[in-house]
Amino acid sequence: MTKYLLAGVLMAVTAPLSASAGTVENACMRSDRPGANRTLCNCIQQVADMTLGGGDQQRAASLFQNPDAAQKVRVSKRDADNAFWARYKNFGDMAGVYCAN
């Protein structure tokens, strides 16, 4: 039930945003991850639009290209990195629910 409610809200809010590819969607498409395709990457972008600001989206996109950097952010002692990681983790959790097959 929650998944369908979330999907409805995300689709209603992001419908105007889906006309052009965003930063996260482009990074997703360029990544070498198996299963990355236009539909999945667009879905992930929709969730990014709902959960991350522009600067966070650019930073998240950089992690698609350099997964080792994600580990550095995750274990960082800097407050700014910890705050970003909390937002990034929320984004990932939401994308996992919303974009699951």
Protein backbone atom coordinates (compact mmCIF):
# COMPACT_ATOMS: atom_id res chain seq x y z
CA MET A 1 0.00 0.00 0.00
CA THR A 2 2.76 2.46 0.96
CA LYS A 3 4.62 1.68 -2.25
CA TYR A 4 1.59 2.57 -4.36
CA LEU A 5 0.95 5.77 -2.41
CA LEU A 6 4.59 6.80 -2.78
CA ALA A 7 4.50 5.97 -6.48
CA GLY A 8 1.40 8.10 -7.00
CA VAL A 9 2.84 11.08 -5.17
CA LEU A 10 6.17 10.85 -6.98
CA MET A 11 4.54 10.52 -10.39
CA ALA A 12 2.22 13.48 -9.79
CA VAL A 13 4.96 15.77 -8.55
CA THR A 14 7.69 14.77 -10.99
CA ALA A 15 5.66 14.43 -14.20
CA PRO A 16 6.75 17.85 -15.46
CA LEU A 17 10.36 17.09 -14.54
CA SER A 18 10.68 13.91 -16.56
CA ALA A 19 10.88 15.60 -19.97
CA SER A 20 14.66 15.93 -19.85
CA ALA A 21 17.35 13.81 -18.27
CA GLY A 22 18.75 15.03 -14.99
CA THR A 23 22.19 14.84 -13.44
CA VAL A 24 21.54 11.57 -11.60
CA GLU A 25 19.82 9.95 -14.58
CA ASN A 26 22.75 10.82 -16.85
CA ALA A 27 25.26 9.43 -14.35
CA CYS A 28 23.16 6.28 -13.99
CA MET A 29 23.09 5.78 -17.76
CA ARG A 30 26.86 6.27 -18.02
CA SER A 31 27.58 3.87 -15.16
CA ASP A 32 28.71 0.32 -15.85
CA ARG A 33 26.20 -1.16 -13.44
CA PRO A 34 24.28 -4.16 -14.75
CA GLY A 35 20.62 -3.43 -15.27
CA ALA A 36 21.07 0.31 -15.81
CA ASN A 37 18.58 1.33 -18.47
CA ARG A 38 16.59 4.43 -19.40
CA THR A 39 13.50 3.38 -17.43
CA LEU A 40 15.37 2.55 -14.23
CA CYS A 41 17.64 5.59 -14.44
CA ASN A 42 14.66 7.88 -15.06
CA CYS A 43 12.93 6.41 -12.03
CA ILE A 44 16.03 7.01 -9.92
CA GLN A 45 16.12 10.61 -11.16
CA GLN A 46 12.51 11.10 -10.14
CA VAL A 47 13.35 9.99 -6.62
CA ALA A 48 16.43 12.24 -6.61
CA ASP A 49 14.22 15.18 -7.59
CA MET A 50 12.02 14.46 -4.58
CA THR A 51 14.72 13.81 -2.00
CA LEU A 52 17.90 15.68 -2.98
CA GLY A 53 18.67 19.30 -3.77
CA GLY A 54 20.70 20.26 -6.83
CA GLY A 55 24.08 20.20 -5.10
CA ASP A 56 23.32 16.85 -3.50
CA GLN A 57 22.22 15.48 -6.88
CA GLN A 58 25.54 16.48 -8.41
CA ARG A 59 27.42 14.89 -5.54
CA ALA A 60 25.29 11.73 -5.77
CA ALA A 61 25.92 11.59 -9.53
CA SER A 62 29.66 11.71 -8.87
CA LEU A 63 29.30 8.65 -6.65
CA PHE A 64 27.80 6.71 -9.56
CA GLN A 65 31.05 7.30 -11.43
CA ASN A 66 33.37 6.73 -8.45
CA PRO A 67 31.94 4.23 -5.94
CA ASP A 68 35.16 4.37 -3.90
CA ALA A 69 34.33 7.99 -3.10
CA ALA A 70 31.06 6.83 -1.54
CA GLN A 71 32.99 4.77 0.99
CA LYS A 72 35.13 7.79 1.87
CA VAL A 73 32.03 9.91 2.45
CA ARG A 74 30.36 7.15 4.47
CA VAL A 75 33.26 6.84 6.93
CA SER A 76 34.09 10.55 7.03
CA LYS A 77 34.12 12.33 10.37
CA ARG A 78 33.03 15.65 8.84
CA ASP A 79 29.55 16.84 9.84
CA ALA A 80 28.80 17.98 6.28
CA ASP A 81 29.69 14.53 4.91
CA ASN A 82 27.58 12.82 7.58
CA ALA A 83 24.60 15.04 6.78
CA PHE A 84 24.99 14.37 3.04
CA TRP A 85 25.31 10.63 3.70
CA ALA A 86 22.04 10.63 5.65
CA ARG A 87 20.26 12.35 2.74
CA TYR A 88 21.97 10.07 0.21
CA LYS A 89 20.99 6.96 2.17
CA ASN A 90 17.39 8.16 2.35
CA PHE A 91 17.48 8.73 -1.41
CA GLY A 92 18.84 5.23 -1.99
CA ASP A 93 16.26 3.63 0.29
CA MET A 94 13.42 5.50 -1.42
CA ALA A 95 14.74 4.64 -4.90
CA GLY A 96 14.98 1.00 -3.86
CA VAL A 97 11.30 0.97 -2.88
CA TYR A 98 9.94 3.13 -5.69
CA CYS A 99 12.02 1.74 -8.54
CA ALA A 100 11.93 -1.97 -7.61
CA ASN A 101 10.43 -4.22 -10.25
